[in-house]
Protein backbone atom coordinates (compact mmCIF):
# COMPACT_ATOMS: atom_id res chain seq x y z
CA MET A 1 -9.21 25.74 -66.78
CA LYS A 2 -5.56 25.76 -69.21
CA PHE A 3 -5.10 28.94 -66.83
CA THR A 4 -5.48 27.38 -63.17
CA THR A 5 -4.42 23.77 -63.88
CA ILE A 6 -0.59 25.89 -64.71
CA VAL A 7 -0.98 28.80 -61.74
CA GLY A 8 -2.45 25.08 -59.60
CA LEU A 9 1.02 24.01 -60.13
CA PHE A 10 3.60 26.75 -60.26
CA GLY A 11 1.35 26.90 -56.71
CA LEU A 12 2.64 23.51 -55.70
CA ALA A 13 6.05 24.57 -56.93
CA GLN A 14 6.64 27.00 -54.73
CA LEU A 15 5.31 25.44 -51.98
CA VAL A 16 7.07 22.90 -52.50
CA LEU A 17 10.45 24.61 -52.96
CA GLY A 18 9.53 27.71 -50.19
CA ASP A 19 9.38 24.27 -47.48
CA ASN A 20 12.47 23.55 -47.06
CA ARG A 21 13.58 21.88 -43.42
CA GLY A 22 16.46 19.45 -42.76
CA SER A 23 19.51 19.01 -40.34
CA TYR A 24 23.16 19.34 -39.54
CA THR A 25 25.44 19.57 -37.35
CA VAL A 26 26.47 22.84 -34.99
CA SER A 27 29.54 22.24 -33.40
CA GLY A 28 28.55 22.91 -29.57
CA LEU A 29 25.00 23.22 -30.43
CA GLY A 30 24.53 19.79 -27.21
CA GLN A 31 26.38 21.63 -24.22
CA ARG A 32 23.40 24.06 -25.38
CA LYS A 33 21.29 22.61 -25.97
CA GLN A 34 21.34 20.45 -22.38
CA ALA A 35 22.26 23.74 -21.08
CA LEU A 36 18.25 25.01 -21.65
CA LEU A 37 17.11 21.57 -19.80
CA LYS A 38 18.99 22.64 -16.99
CA ALA A 39 17.61 25.66 -16.87
CA GLY A 40 14.02 24.46 -17.15
CA GLY A 41 13.65 24.09 -20.62
CA ASN A 42 11.82 21.71 -23.19
CA THR A 43 11.72 19.67 -26.30
CA MET A 44 8.97 23.09 -27.70
CA ASP A 45 11.47 26.15 -26.30
CA MET A 46 14.68 23.78 -27.57
CA ALA A 47 12.58 24.09 -31.69
CA ILE A 48 11.42 27.81 -31.11
CA ALA A 49 15.66 28.44 -29.65
CA MET A 50 16.78 26.71 -32.76
CA LEU A 51 14.29 27.62 -35.09
CA GLU A 52 15.72 31.54 -34.73
CA SER A 53 19.36 30.92 -34.33
CA ASP A 54 22.09 27.81 -35.62
CA HIS A 55 23.29 28.16 -32.29
CA MET A 56 20.36 29.38 -29.91
CA LYS A 57 22.28 31.81 -28.37
CA ALA A 58 21.56 35.27 -28.31
CA ASP A 59 23.74 36.69 -29.46
CA TYR A 60 22.60 39.12 -32.74
CA VAL A 61 22.42 42.55 -32.91
CA TYR A 62 20.29 44.27 -29.75
CA GLY A 63 17.06 44.01 -30.34
CA ASP A 64 17.18 42.25 -33.02
CA GLY A 65 17.45 45.09 -35.26
CA LYS A 66 14.45 46.08 -33.86
CA SER A 67 13.14 48.68 -31.88
CA GLY A 68 9.85 49.90 -29.24
CA ASP A 69 7.17 46.72 -28.81
CA ALA A 70 9.27 45.15 -31.61
CA THR A 71 12.29 44.95 -29.95
CA ASN A 72 13.66 40.97 -29.53
CA PHE A 73 15.75 39.46 -26.62
CA GLY A 74 16.62 36.04 -25.89
CA ILE A 75 17.21 32.66 -27.00
CA PHE A 76 13.44 33.13 -28.50
CA LYS A 77 13.76 36.31 -29.59
CA GLN A 78 10.89 37.73 -27.76
CA ASN A 79 9.10 40.11 -27.93
CA TRP A 80 9.21 44.00 -25.55
CA MET A 81 5.12 43.71 -25.77
CA MET A 82 5.37 39.86 -25.56
CA LEU A 83 7.70 39.69 -22.76
CA ARG A 84 5.85 42.91 -20.72
CA THR A 85 2.31 41.58 -21.57
CA SER A 86 2.52 38.25 -19.69
CA ALA A 87 6.54 37.32 -18.38
CA ARG A 88 6.00 37.52 -14.35
CA ASP A 89 9.67 39.93 -14.55
CA PHE A 90 8.40 42.45 -16.62
CA GLN A 91 4.25 42.59 -16.62
CA GLY A 92 3.54 46.15 -16.26
CA GLN A 93 6.28 47.48 -17.58
CA SER A 94 5.33 49.96 -20.52
CA ALA A 95 6.61 50.34 -24.35
CA GLU A 96 9.22 52.43 -23.15
CA GLN A 97 11.19 50.43 -20.64
CA VAL A 98 12.35 48.19 -23.32
CA SER A 99 15.60 48.47 -22.13
CA ASN A 100 14.44 46.46 -19.74
CA GLY A 101 15.05 43.12 -21.76
CA ALA A 102 18.73 43.40 -22.09
CA VAL A 103 18.60 41.19 -19.26
CA LEU A 104 17.66 38.23 -21.77
CA LYS A 105 20.28 39.58 -23.97
CA TYR A 106 23.55 37.31 -24.07
CA VAL A 107 26.81 38.66 -22.80
CA PRO A 108 30.13 37.14 -25.44
CA VAL A 109 32.29 36.06 -21.97
CA CYS A 110 31.87 36.80 -18.80
CA TYR A 111 34.26 35.38 -15.86
CA CYS A 112 32.85 33.17 -13.19
CA GLN A 113 34.80 31.35 -10.77
CA GLY A 114 37.62 32.01 -12.51
CA ARG A 115 36.80 30.51 -15.78
CA ALA A 116 34.82 31.46 -19.23
CA ASN A 117 31.61 30.74 -19.70
CA PRO A 118 30.02 30.96 -22.79
CA TYR A 119 27.16 31.96 -21.88
CA SER A 120 26.23 33.95 -19.50
CA HIS A 121 23.38 35.44 -19.52
CA ASP A 122 20.07 34.47 -17.31
CA LEU A 123 19.01 31.15 -19.11
CA LYS A 124 16.62 30.52 -16.20
CA LYS A 125 15.03 33.43 -16.42
CA ASP A 126 14.65 33.58 -20.47
CA VAL A 127 12.84 29.35 -20.11
CA LYS A 128 11.03 31.38 -17.74
CA ALA A 129 9.70 34.45 -19.36
CA ARG A 130 9.17 32.00 -22.08
CA HIS A 131 7.12 29.87 -20.15
CA ASP A 132 5.36 32.62 -18.12
CA GLY A 133 3.77 33.49 -22.19
CA GLU A 134 2.42 30.95 -23.09
CA LYS A 135 0.33 29.47 -19.55
CA HIS A 136 -1.15 33.52 -19.86
CA TYR A 137 -1.83 33.65 -24.14
CA GLY A 138 -2.18 29.67 -24.48
CA PHE A 139 0.22 28.23 -27.73
CA ASP A 140 -1.66 29.18 -30.32
CA THR A 141 -1.53 32.77 -29.31
CA TRP A 142 1.75 32.69 -27.71
CA ILE A 143 2.77 31.94 -30.77
CA ALA A 144 1.13 34.45 -33.54
CA GLY A 145 2.01 37.14 -30.49
CA HIS A 146 5.62 35.49 -31.23
CA ARG A 147 5.93 36.39 -34.40
CA ASN A 148 4.43 39.25 -34.93
CA GLY A 149 2.40 41.15 -31.77
CA ALA A 150 -0.24 42.43 -31.29
CA SER A 151 -0.78 42.55 -35.30
CA GLY A 152 -0.98 37.98 -34.69
CA LEU A 153 -2.86 38.42 -30.77
CA GLN A 154 -5.67 40.74 -33.41
CA ASN A 155 -5.45 37.98 -36.28
CA PRO A 156 -3.70 34.71 -35.45
CA HIS A 157 -4.34 33.15 -37.86
CA THR A 158 -2.63 33.88 -41.05
CA ASP A 159 -0.08 32.01 -43.51
CA ASP A 160 2.98 33.44 -42.14
CA ILE A 161 1.38 32.53 -38.47
CA ASN A 162 0.86 29.14 -38.94
CA THR A 163 3.84 27.96 -41.30
CA TYR A 164 5.49 29.68 -38.26
CA LYS A 165 3.58 27.57 -35.90
CA SER A 166 4.20 24.76 -38.45
CA ALA A 167 7.96 24.96 -38.79
CA VAL A 168 8.48 24.75 -34.92
CA GLN A 169 6.19 21.40 -34.50
CA TRP A 170 8.19 19.69 -37.47
CA ILE A 171 11.34 20.83 -35.30
CA GLN A 172 10.25 19.79 -32.43
CA LYS A 173 9.08 16.57 -33.40
CA GLN A 174 12.64 15.53 -34.80
CA ILE A 175 14.20 16.59 -31.78
CA GLN A 176 11.88 13.87 -29.99
CA SER A 177 12.43 11.05 -32.69
CA ASP A 178 15.68 10.48 -30.45
CA PRO A 179 16.28 11.40 -27.05
CA LYS A 180 19.93 11.89 -29.04
CA TYR A 181 18.37 14.89 -30.75
CA GLN A 182 18.07 16.49 -27.02
CA LYS A 183 21.44 15.98 -26.33
CA ASP A 184 24.21 16.29 -29.47
CA ASP A 185 25.11 18.81 -32.12
CA THR A 186 22.29 17.98 -34.76
CA ARG A 187 20.28 21.59 -35.78
CA PHE A 188 16.33 20.90 -37.33
CA TRP A 189 15.91 23.76 -39.56
CA VAL A 190 13.03 24.70 -41.65
CA ASP A 191 12.70 27.60 -44.05
CA VAL A 192 10.60 30.93 -42.62
CA THR A 193 10.56 33.73 -44.34
CA ALA A 194 12.30 36.45 -41.47
CA ILE A 195 10.14 39.55 -40.07
């Protein structure tokens, strides 16, 4: 009994410590939020992008350091397997055609109409691909495959997937709690183990 109580309390302490969340200011994030909404995004898109990166940009190393079907693209870090099985622009492509996902990759600067455009990847295409995936699979299955690829689709209710999903939902709830959070520089975060 004593051992169970100690383990139970220790487990509770780990849960509390592992459930860190909060907010802070990221200069320019409000502009990025507005660009996302203008591209057809919504607060769920904002929450996913916010969880995946501080600036809601796809300016990470190619594929997020992953390869094959696990290669990530865009501000949501969607894996190639999910893109090629559910997003209309990529559906039917093979695992070997992974480089086609790079169209969702952030390019630091382009010159459009004589001005530097820091958001030069096709944000509309990125949002559309995520929406296509959710429409194809449904939210719960989409988020499982987004988090863990094919194994997530086969087993969508693991603790890790549920933790990720609840983190996204918590961030979305914060964003929706006040309209200002859809346009200001506030970033909400949850400490979720990167995979």
